[in-house]
Amino acid sequence: MLVLPAELTHEQAGACCRMLTQGLRSEPGATVVADAGALAHFDSSALAVLLECRREAMALGKTFAVAHLPTRLRELAVLYGVAELLPAAP
């Protein structure tokens, strides 16, 4: 499982994305889950990071889901029209 940090804004997005996509490549199984439960301070860059993780997972032939997505971030995803790309983990 990939774990997002407590803070994910434009300033941290590049490094976080690199770290998560590297971890994603070593994830076993057909589904990659990103746990967003720790996110407390974020901006729309968090969506960009999650979407890049999704893209990388799909390139590896895996599905992607998000656990514990904060309500405010889910609302941003709906506003930007990308909510369906970030399904909730079962």
N, C-alpha and C. Protein backbone atom coordinates (compact mmCIF):
# COMPACT_ATOMS: atom_id res chain seq x y z
N MET A 1 0.84 -1.18 0.00
CA MET A 1 0.00 0.00 0.00
C MET A 1 0.89 1.24 0.00
N LEU A 2 0.51 2.19 -0.83
CA LEU A 2 1.19 3.48 -0.86
C LEU A 2 0.57 4.36 0.21
N VAL A 3 1.38 5.14 0.89
CA VAL A 3 0.87 6.00 1.96
C VAL A 3 1.24 7.44 1.65
N LEU A 4 0.23 8.29 1.55
CA LEU A 4 0.46 9.70 1.30
C LEU A 4 0.85 10.39 2.61
N PRO A 5 1.65 11.45 2.51
CA PRO A 5 2.09 12.16 3.72
C PRO A 5 0.98 13.05 4.28
N ALA A 6 1.21 13.62 5.45
CA ALA A 6 0.24 14.51 6.08
C ALA A 6 0.10 15.82 5.31
N GLU A 7 1.17 16.26 4.67
CA GLU A 7 1.13 17.51 3.90
C GLU A 7 1.53 17.22 2.46
N LEU A 8 0.67 17.65 1.53
CA LEU A 8 0.96 17.44 0.13
C LEU A 8 0.43 18.62 -0.67
N THR A 9 1.32 19.59 -0.85
CA THR A 9 1.00 20.78 -1.62
C THR A 9 1.95 20.84 -2.82
N HIS A 10 1.83 21.88 -3.59
CA HIS A 10 2.67 22.05 -4.78
C HIS A 10 4.15 21.90 -4.43
N GLU A 11 4.53 22.39 -3.29
CA GLU A 11 5.93 22.35 -2.86
C GLU A 11 6.46 20.92 -2.70
N GLN A 12 5.64 20.00 -2.20
CA GLN A 12 6.08 18.63 -1.96
C GLN A 12 5.71 17.67 -3.10
N ALA A 13 4.89 18.12 -4.04
CA ALA A 13 4.30 17.22 -5.04
C ALA A 13 5.33 16.45 -5.86
N GLY A 14 6.35 17.11 -6.35
CA GLY A 14 7.34 16.43 -7.19
C GLY A 14 8.05 15.30 -6.47
N ALA A 15 8.56 15.58 -5.30
CA ALA A 15 9.28 14.57 -4.52
C ALA A 15 8.34 13.46 -4.09
N CYS A 16 7.14 13.81 -3.69
CA CYS A 16 6.17 12.80 -3.25
C CYS A 16 5.79 11.89 -4.42
N CYS A 17 5.58 12.48 -5.57
CA CYS A 17 5.21 11.70 -6.74
C CYS A 17 6.32 10.71 -7.11
N ARG A 18 7.54 11.17 -7.09
CA ARG A 18 8.67 10.28 -7.39
C ARG A 18 8.74 9.13 -6.39
N MET A 19 8.57 9.45 -5.12
CA MET A 19 8.63 8.43 -4.07
C MET A 19 7.50 7.40 -4.24
N LEU A 20 6.29 7.88 -4.48
CA LEU A 20 5.15 6.98 -4.60
C LEU A 20 5.22 6.12 -5.86
N THR A 21 5.62 6.71 -6.98
CA THR A 21 5.70 5.90 -8.20
C THR A 21 6.81 4.86 -8.11
N GLN A 22 7.88 5.19 -7.41
CA GLN A 22 8.93 4.20 -7.19
C GLN A 22 8.39 3.05 -6.34
N GLY A 23 7.68 3.38 -5.27
CA GLY A 23 7.09 2.36 -4.42
C GLY A 23 6.04 1.54 -5.14
N LEU A 24 5.31 2.20 -6.01
CA LEU A 24 4.26 1.54 -6.77
C LEU A 24 4.82 0.40 -7.62
N ARG A 25 5.98 0.60 -8.17
CA ARG A 25 6.60 -0.42 -9.04
C ARG A 25 6.92 -1.70 -8.27
N SER A 26 7.08 -1.60 -6.97
CA SER A 26 7.41 -2.80 -6.18
C SER A 26 6.18 -3.39 -5.48
N GLU A 27 5.01 -2.81 -5.71
CA GLU A 27 3.78 -3.32 -5.09
C GLU A 27 3.39 -4.65 -5.73
N PRO A 28 3.20 -5.69 -4.91
CA PRO A 28 2.76 -6.97 -5.46
C PRO A 28 1.26 -6.92 -5.77
N GLY A 29 0.80 -7.82 -6.55
CA GLY A 29 -0.63 -7.93 -6.81
C GLY A 29 -1.08 -7.08 -7.98
N ALA A 30 -2.37 -7.25 -8.31
CA ALA A 30 -2.94 -6.59 -9.47
C ALA A 30 -3.55 -5.23 -9.16
N THR A 31 -3.69 -4.91 -7.88
CA THR A 31 -4.28 -3.63 -7.49
C THR A 31 -3.33 -2.86 -6.59
N VAL A 32 -3.19 -1.60 -6.89
CA VAL A 32 -2.38 -0.70 -6.05
C VAL A 32 -3.35 0.20 -5.29
N VAL A 33 -3.18 0.28 -3.99
CA VAL A 33 -4.03 1.14 -3.15
C VAL A 33 -3.17 2.23 -2.54
N ALA A 34 -3.65 3.46 -2.68
CA ALA A 34 -3.00 4.61 -2.04
C ALA A 34 -3.83 5.00 -0.83
N ASP A 35 -3.21 5.06 0.33
CA ASP A 35 -3.90 5.44 1.56
C ASP A 35 -3.71 6.94 1.78
N ALA A 36 -4.80 7.68 1.67
CA ALA A 36 -4.75 9.13 1.83
C ALA A 36 -5.22 9.57 3.21
N GLY A 37 -5.32 8.65 4.13
CA GLY A 37 -5.84 8.94 5.46
C GLY A 37 -5.03 9.94 6.26
N ALA A 38 -3.75 10.04 6.01
CA ALA A 38 -2.90 10.96 6.77
C ALA A 38 -2.98 12.39 6.26
N LEU A 39 -3.52 12.58 5.06
CA LEU A 39 -3.56 13.93 4.47
C LEU A 39 -4.33 14.89 5.35
N ALA A 40 -3.66 15.93 5.78
CA ALA A 40 -4.30 16.95 6.61
C ALA A 40 -4.19 18.32 5.96
N HIS A 41 -3.09 18.57 5.27
CA HIS A 41 -2.86 19.87 4.61
C HIS A 41 -2.49 19.57 3.16
N PHE A 42 -3.36 19.98 2.23
CA PHE A 42 -3.13 19.65 0.83
C PHE A 42 -3.79 20.69 -0.06
N ASP A 43 -3.39 20.66 -1.31
CA ASP A 43 -4.05 21.47 -2.33
C ASP A 43 -4.31 20.56 -3.52
N SER A 44 -4.67 21.12 -4.65
CA SER A 44 -5.02 20.31 -5.80
C SER A 44 -3.83 19.51 -6.33
N SER A 45 -2.63 19.83 -5.90
CA SER A 45 -1.46 19.04 -6.29
C SER A 45 -1.59 17.59 -5.82
N ALA A 46 -2.30 17.38 -4.73
CA ALA A 46 -2.51 16.01 -4.24
C ALA A 46 -3.28 15.19 -5.28
N LEU A 47 -4.22 15.83 -5.96
CA LEU A 47 -4.94 15.13 -7.04
C LEU A 47 -3.98 14.77 -8.17
N ALA A 48 -3.12 15.71 -8.52
CA ALA A 48 -2.16 15.45 -9.59
C ALA A 48 -1.26 14.26 -9.24
N VAL A 49 -0.84 14.18 -8.00
CA VAL A 49 0.01 13.07 -7.56
C VAL A 49 -0.77 11.75 -7.64
N LEU A 50 -2.00 11.74 -7.17
CA LEU A 50 -2.81 10.52 -7.23
C LEU A 50 -3.07 10.10 -8.68
N LEU A 51 -3.32 11.07 -9.54
CA LEU A 51 -3.57 10.74 -10.95
C LEU A 51 -2.31 10.20 -11.62
N GLU A 52 -1.16 10.71 -11.25
CA GLU A 52 0.09 10.18 -11.80
C GLU A 52 0.33 8.76 -11.30
N CYS A 53 0.02 8.49 -10.05
CA CYS A 53 0.13 7.13 -9.52
C CYS A 53 -0.81 6.20 -10.28
N ARG A 54 -2.00 6.67 -10.55
CA ARG A 54 -2.97 5.87 -11.33
C ARG A 54 -2.40 5.57 -12.71
N ARG A 55 -1.86 6.59 -13.35
CA ARG A 55 -1.31 6.41 -14.69
C ARG A 55 -0.19 5.37 -14.68
N GLU A 56 0.68 5.47 -13.70
CA GLU A 56 1.79 4.53 -13.57
C GLU A 56 1.28 3.11 -13.30
N ALA A 57 0.28 2.98 -12.43
CA ALA A 57 -0.29 1.67 -12.14
C ALA A 57 -0.88 1.05 -13.40
N MET A 58 -1.62 1.84 -14.16
CA MET A 58 -2.24 1.34 -15.37
C MET A 58 -1.18 0.95 -16.41
N ALA A 59 -0.09 1.70 -16.48
CA ALA A 59 1.00 1.37 -17.40
C ALA A 59 1.62 0.02 -17.04
N LEU A 60 1.53 -0.35 -15.77
CA LEU A 60 2.06 -1.63 -15.30
C LEU A 60 1.00 -2.73 -15.35
N GLY A 61 -0.17 -2.40 -15.88
CA GLY A 61 -1.24 -3.39 -15.98
C GLY A 61 -1.99 -3.64 -14.69
N LYS A 62 -1.93 -2.67 -13.77
CA LYS A 62 -2.59 -2.81 -12.47
C LYS A 62 -3.76 -1.84 -12.37
N THR A 63 -4.67 -2.14 -11.47
CA THR A 63 -5.74 -1.20 -11.18
C THR A 63 -5.30 -0.33 -10.01
N PHE A 64 -6.00 0.78 -9.82
CA PHE A 64 -5.62 1.75 -8.80
C PHE A 64 -6.85 2.17 -8.02
N ALA A 65 -6.71 2.27 -6.71
CA ALA A 65 -7.80 2.71 -5.85
C ALA A 65 -7.21 3.55 -4.72
N VAL A 66 -8.07 4.35 -4.09
CA VAL A 66 -7.64 5.23 -3.00
C VAL A 66 -8.45 4.92 -1.75
N ALA A 67 -7.76 4.76 -0.65
CA ALA A 67 -8.41 4.54 0.64
C ALA A 67 -8.36 5.83 1.45
N HIS A 68 -9.42 6.09 2.18
CA HIS A 68 -9.48 7.20 3.14
C HIS A 68 -9.25 8.57 2.50
N LEU A 69 -9.81 8.79 1.32
CA LEU A 69 -9.66 10.09 0.66
C LEU A 69 -10.44 11.14 1.46
N PRO A 70 -9.77 12.21 1.90
CA PRO A 70 -10.47 13.24 2.66
C PRO A 70 -11.63 13.83 1.86
N THR A 71 -12.70 14.17 2.54
CA THR A 71 -13.89 14.71 1.90
C THR A 71 -13.57 15.91 1.03
N ARG A 72 -12.76 16.82 1.52
CA ARG A 72 -12.43 18.03 0.76
C ARG A 72 -11.69 17.69 -0.53
N LEU A 73 -10.83 16.68 -0.49
CA LEU A 73 -10.10 16.29 -1.69
C LEU A 73 -11.04 15.58 -2.67
N ARG A 74 -11.97 14.78 -2.15
CA ARG A 74 -12.99 14.15 -3.01
C ARG A 74 -13.82 15.24 -3.70
N GLU A 75 -14.17 16.29 -2.96
CA GLU A 75 -14.94 17.39 -3.54
C GLU A 75 -14.15 18.09 -4.65
N LEU A 76 -12.85 18.27 -4.45
CA LEU A 76 -12.01 18.85 -5.51
C LEU A 76 -11.98 17.94 -6.73
N ALA A 77 -11.90 16.64 -6.51
CA ALA A 77 -11.89 15.69 -7.62
C ALA A 77 -13.19 15.78 -8.42
N VAL A 78 -14.32 15.91 -7.73
CA VAL A 78 -15.60 16.08 -8.39
C VAL A 78 -15.62 17.38 -9.17
N LEU A 79 -15.17 18.45 -8.56
CA LEU A 79 -15.14 19.77 -9.20
C LEU A 79 -14.32 19.74 -10.49
N TYR A 80 -13.19 19.05 -10.46
CA TYR A 80 -12.31 18.97 -11.63
C TYR A 80 -12.71 17.87 -12.61
N GLY A 81 -13.72 17.09 -12.27
CA GLY A 81 -14.21 16.05 -13.17
C GLY A 81 -13.34 14.80 -13.23
N VAL A 82 -12.59 14.52 -12.17
CA VAL A 82 -11.70 13.36 -12.17
C VAL A 82 -12.04 12.34 -11.08
N ALA A 83 -13.15 12.53 -10.38
CA ALA A 83 -13.49 11.66 -9.26
C ALA A 83 -13.60 10.20 -9.68
N GLU A 84 -14.14 9.95 -10.87
CA GLU A 84 -14.31 8.56 -11.31
C GLU A 84 -12.97 7.88 -11.59
N LEU A 85 -11.90 8.65 -11.73
CA LEU A 85 -10.57 8.09 -11.95
C LEU A 85 -9.90 7.66 -10.65
N LEU A 86 -10.49 8.04 -9.53
CA LEU A 86 -9.92 7.72 -8.22
C LEU A 86 -10.93 6.94 -7.37
N PRO A 87 -11.20 5.70 -7.76
CA PRO A 87 -12.21 4.93 -7.02
C PRO A 87 -11.77 4.61 -5.59
N ALA A 88 -12.75 4.49 -4.73
CA ALA A 88 -12.49 4.13 -3.34
C ALA A 88 -12.04 2.68 -3.25
N ALA A 89 -11.06 2.43 -2.41
CA ALA A 89 -10.59 1.06 -2.19
C ALA A 89 -11.66 0.29 -1.43
N PRO A 90 -11.82 -0.99 -1.77
CA PRO A 90 -12.84 -1.80 -1.06
C PRO A 90 -12.45 -2.06 0.38
